[in-house]
């Protein structure tokens, strides 16, 4: 505990997880509001899955630079991994027989993020 980075890191993780859980806890209530779709409780599960899936997309994609791949392989993975993760989330929701059509537009966000990440790399 004598290292300030350790203490601040623990505090940062604690706050991050708290915010992460708080968002998803209130997300279904937000989606029930008329201004945010007016969804029924039984219809919000795919959106919550996409929220958790978005975190998965970010974590998987963010871990790619840690591995000792060639630069060309990293660039390919930075494109493929987010799409695979998105496909997994959509696939699981579809198999669970939820309407995933509103989630198809989210692929635009995935492409924008991939573009931003790839444009920042040298």
C-alpha atoms as a PDB file:
ATOM      1  CA  UNK A   1       0.000   0.000   0.000  1.00  0.00           C
ATOM      2  CA  UNK A   2       3.042   2.269  -0.006  1.00  0.00           C
ATOM      3  CA  UNK A   3       2.757   2.802  -3.783  1.00  0.00           C
ATOM      4  CA  UNK A   4       0.263   5.518  -4.746  1.00  0.00           C
ATOM      5  CA  UNK A   5      -0.255   3.878  -8.162  1.00  0.00           C
ATOM      6  CA  UNK A   6      -1.535   0.747  -6.436  1.00  0.00           C
ATOM      7  CA  UNK A   7      -3.977   2.652  -4.237  1.00  0.00           C
ATOM      8  CA  UNK A   8      -5.219   4.819  -7.123  1.00  0.00           C
ATOM      9  CA  UNK A   9      -5.464   1.748  -9.369  1.00  0.00           C
ATOM     10  CA  UNK A  10      -7.590  -0.079  -6.798  1.00  0.00           C
ATOM     11  CA  UNK A  11      -9.786   2.994  -6.403  1.00  0.00           C
ATOM     12  CA  UNK A  12     -10.085   3.315 -10.186  1.00  0.00           C
ATOM     13  CA  UNK A  13     -11.153  -0.329 -10.638  1.00  0.00           C
ATOM     14  CA  UNK A  14     -13.636  -0.019  -7.770  1.00  0.00           C
ATOM     15  CA  UNK A  15     -15.244   3.081  -9.296  1.00  0.00           C
ATOM     16  CA  UNK A  16     -15.169   1.602 -12.815  1.00  0.00           C
ATOM     17  CA  UNK A  17     -16.958  -1.593 -11.774  1.00  0.00           C
ATOM     18  CA  UNK A  18     -19.459   0.412  -9.733  1.00  0.00           C
ATOM     19  CA  UNK A  19     -20.305   2.622 -12.699  1.00  0.00           C
ATOM     20  CA  UNK A  20     -20.460  -0.386 -15.032  1.00  0.00           C
ATOM     21  CA  UNK A  21     -22.976  -2.192 -12.823  1.00  0.00           C
ATOM     22  CA  UNK A  22     -24.969   0.960 -12.077  1.00  0.00           C
ATOM     23  CA  UNK A  23     -25.433   1.656 -15.779  1.00  0.00           C
ATOM     24  CA  UNK A  24     -26.761  -1.795 -16.561  1.00  0.00           C
ATOM     25  CA  UNK A  25     -28.963  -1.759 -13.455  1.00  0.00           C
ATOM     26  CA  UNK A  26     -30.767   1.354 -14.699  1.00  0.00           C
ATOM     27  CA  UNK A  27     -30.598   0.612 -18.408  1.00  0.00           C
ATOM     28  CA  UNK A  28     -33.858  -1.340 -18.591  1.00  0.00           C
ATOM     29  CA  UNK A  29     -35.738   1.454 -16.823  1.00  0.00           C
ATOM     30  CA  UNK A  30     -34.317   3.944 -19.316  1.00  0.00           C
ATOM     31  CA  UNK A  31     -35.418   1.813 -22.265  1.00  0.00           C
ATOM     32  CA  UNK A  32     -38.963   1.694 -20.857  1.00  0.00           C
ATOM     33  CA  UNK A  33     -39.253   5.480 -21.195  1.00  0.00           C
ATOM     34  CA  UNK A  34     -41.163   6.635 -24.290  1.00  0.00           C
ATOM     35  CA  UNK A  35     -38.275   8.874 -25.376  1.00  0.00           C
ATOM     36  CA  UNK A  36     -35.935   5.861 -25.409  1.00  0.00           C
ATOM     37  CA  UNK A  37     -38.103   3.341 -27.209  1.00  0.00           C
ATOM     38  CA  UNK A  38     -40.852   2.561 -24.731  1.00  0.00           C
ATOM     39  CA  UNK A  39     -39.819  -1.085 -24.592  1.00  0.00           C
ATOM     40  CA  UNK A  40     -41.478  -3.631 -22.337  1.00  0.00           C
ATOM     41  CA  UNK A  41     -39.410  -5.413 -19.680  1.00  0.00           C
ATOM     42  CA  UNK A  42     -39.425  -8.572 -21.797  1.00  0.00           C
ATOM     43  CA  UNK A  43     -37.868  -6.694 -24.750  1.00  0.00           C
ATOM     44  CA  UNK A  44     -34.779  -5.146 -23.127  1.00  0.00           C
ATOM     45  CA  UNK A  45     -32.636  -8.275 -22.738  1.00  0.00           C
ATOM     46  CA  UNK A  46     -30.910  -7.961 -26.150  1.00  0.00           C
ATOM     47  CA  UNK A  47     -29.947  -4.364 -25.387  1.00  0.00           C
ATOM     48  CA  UNK A  48     -28.448  -5.379 -22.054  1.00  0.00           C
ATOM     49  CA  UNK A  49     -26.599  -8.194 -23.830  1.00  0.00           C
ATOM     50  CA  UNK A  50     -25.243  -5.673 -26.311  1.00  0.00           C
ATOM     51  CA  UNK A  51     -24.098  -3.448 -23.451  1.00  0.00           C
ATOM     52  CA  UNK A  52     -22.115  -6.290 -21.869  1.00  0.00           C
ATOM     53  CA  UNK A  53     -21.035  -7.380 -25.344  1.00  0.00           C
ATOM     54  CA  UNK A  54     -19.711  -3.893 -26.055  1.00  0.00           C
ATOM     55  CA  UNK A  55     -17.509  -4.164 -22.999  1.00  0.00           C
ATOM     56  CA  UNK A  56     -16.347  -7.550 -24.279  1.00  0.00           C
ATOM     57  CA  UNK A  57     -15.582  -6.066 -27.695  1.00  0.00           C
ATOM     58  CA  UNK A  58     -13.466  -3.363 -26.077  1.00  0.00           C
ATOM     59  CA  UNK A  59     -11.615  -5.752 -23.807  1.00  0.00           C
ATOM     60  CA  UNK A  60     -10.871  -8.267 -26.537  1.00  0.00           C
ATOM     61  CA  UNK A  61      -9.768  -5.591 -28.984  1.00  0.00           C
ATOM     62  CA  UNK A  62      -7.750  -3.747 -26.357  1.00  0.00           C
ATOM     63  CA  UNK A  63      -5.831  -6.890 -25.489  1.00  0.00           C
ATOM     64  CA  UNK A  64      -4.523  -7.454 -29.027  1.00  0.00           C
ATOM     65  CA  UNK A  65      -1.492  -5.110 -28.732  1.00  0.00           C
ATOM     66  CA  UNK A  66      -0.300  -7.020 -25.649  1.00  0.00           C
ATOM     67  CA  UNK A  67       0.399 -10.147 -27.675  1.00  0.00           C
ATOM     68  CA  UNK A  68       3.593 -10.515 -29.651  1.00  0.00           C
ATOM     69  CA  UNK A  69       2.033 -10.653 -33.122  1.00  0.00           C
ATOM     70  CA  UNK A  70       3.457  -9.184 -36.295  1.00  0.00           C
ATOM     71  CA  UNK A  71       2.139  -5.704 -37.012  1.00  0.00           C
ATOM     72  CA  UNK A  72       0.133  -6.930 -40.015  1.00  0.00           C
ATOM     73  CA  UNK A  73      -1.481  -9.661 -37.885  1.00  0.00           C
ATOM     74  CA  UNK A  74      -2.402  -7.096 -35.227  1.00  0.00           C
ATOM     75  CA  UNK A  75      -4.120  -4.922 -37.822  1.00  0.00           C
ATOM     76  CA  UNK A  76      -6.089  -7.882 -39.151  1.00  0.00           C
ATOM     77  CA  UNK A  77      -7.095  -8.894 -35.620  1.00  0.00           C
ATOM     78  CA  UNK A  78      -8.144  -5.312 -34.830  1.00  0.00           C
ATOM     79  CA  UNK A  79     -10.640  -5.681 -37.652  1.00  0.00           C
ATOM     80  CA  UNK A  80     -11.721  -9.296 -37.139  1.00  0.00           C
ATOM     81  CA  UNK A  81     -11.994  -9.509 -33.330  1.00  0.00           C
ATOM     82  CA  UNK A  82     -14.639  -6.768 -32.890  1.00  0.00           C
ATOM     83  CA  UNK A  83     -16.737  -8.254 -35.680  1.00  0.00           C
ATOM     84  CA  UNK A  84     -16.516 -11.738 -34.182  1.00  0.00           C
ATOM     85  CA  UNK A  85     -17.435 -10.409 -30.734  1.00  0.00           C
ATOM     86  CA  UNK A  86     -20.380  -8.496 -32.224  1.00  0.00           C
ATOM     87  CA  UNK A  87     -21.465 -11.653 -34.041  1.00  0.00           C
ATOM     88  CA  UNK A  88     -21.309 -13.650 -30.810  1.00  0.00           C
ATOM     89  CA  UNK A  89     -23.553 -11.168 -29.001  1.00  0.00           C
ATOM     90  CA  UNK A  90     -26.050 -11.010 -31.868  1.00  0.00           C
ATOM     91  CA  UNK A  91     -25.949 -14.789 -32.253  1.00  0.00           C
ATOM     92  CA  UNK A  92     -26.618 -15.489 -28.588  1.00  0.00           C
ATOM     93  CA  UNK A  93     -29.532 -13.043 -28.542  1.00  0.00           C
ATOM     94  CA  UNK A  94     -30.946 -14.541 -31.751  1.00  0.00           C
ATOM     95  CA  UNK A  95     -30.638 -18.097 -30.431  1.00  0.00           C
ATOM     96  CA  UNK A  96     -32.459 -16.926 -27.308  1.00  0.00           C
ATOM     97  CA  UNK A  97     -35.270 -15.899 -29.689  1.00  0.00           C
ATOM     98  CA  UNK A  98     -35.068 -12.161 -29.049  1.00  0.00           C
ATOM     99  CA  UNK A  99     -35.678  -9.612 -31.777  1.00  0.00           C
ATOM    100  CA  UNK A 100     -32.176  -8.461 -32.698  1.00  0.00           C
ATOM    101  CA  UNK A 101     -33.098  -6.262 -35.662  1.00  0.00           C
ATOM    102  CA  UNK A 102     -32.686  -3.014 -33.666  1.00  0.00           C
ATOM    103  CA  UNK A 103     -29.145  -4.107 -32.784  1.00  0.00           C
ATOM    104  CA  UNK A 104     -27.998  -4.415 -36.394  1.00  0.00           C
ATOM    105  CA  UNK A 105     -27.414  -0.652 -36.545  1.00  0.00           C
ATOM    106  CA  UNK A 106     -24.838  -0.994 -33.779  1.00  0.00           C
ATOM    107  CA  UNK A 107     -22.402  -2.393 -36.344  1.00  0.00           C
ATOM    108  CA  UNK A 108     -21.933   1.219 -37.485  1.00  0.00           C
ATOM    109  CA  UNK A 109     -20.567   2.046 -34.011  1.00  0.00           C
ATOM    110  CA  UNK A 110     -18.253  -0.963 -34.190  1.00  0.00           C
ATOM    111  CA  UNK A 111     -16.889   0.186 -37.576  1.00  0.00           C
ATOM    112  CA  UNK A 112     -16.400   3.758 -36.334  1.00  0.00           C
ATOM    113  CA  UNK A 113     -14.461   2.469 -33.329  1.00  0.00           C
ATOM    114  CA  UNK A 114     -12.365   0.167 -35.519  1.00  0.00           C
ATOM    115  CA  UNK A 115     -11.590   3.078 -37.833  1.00  0.00           C
ATOM    116  CA  UNK A 116     -10.556   5.282 -34.909  1.00  0.00           C
ATOM    117  CA  UNK A 117      -8.323   2.585 -33.428  1.00  0.00           C
ATOM    118  CA  UNK A 118      -6.704   1.764 -36.757  1.00  0.00           C
ATOM    119  CA  UNK A 119      -6.184   5.439 -37.606  1.00  0.00           C
ATOM    120  CA  UNK A 120      -4.317   5.956 -34.291  1.00  0.00           C
ATOM    121  CA  UNK A 121      -1.845   3.167 -34.999  1.00  0.00           C
ATOM    122  CA  UNK A 122       1.407   3.929 -36.731  1.00  0.00           C
END
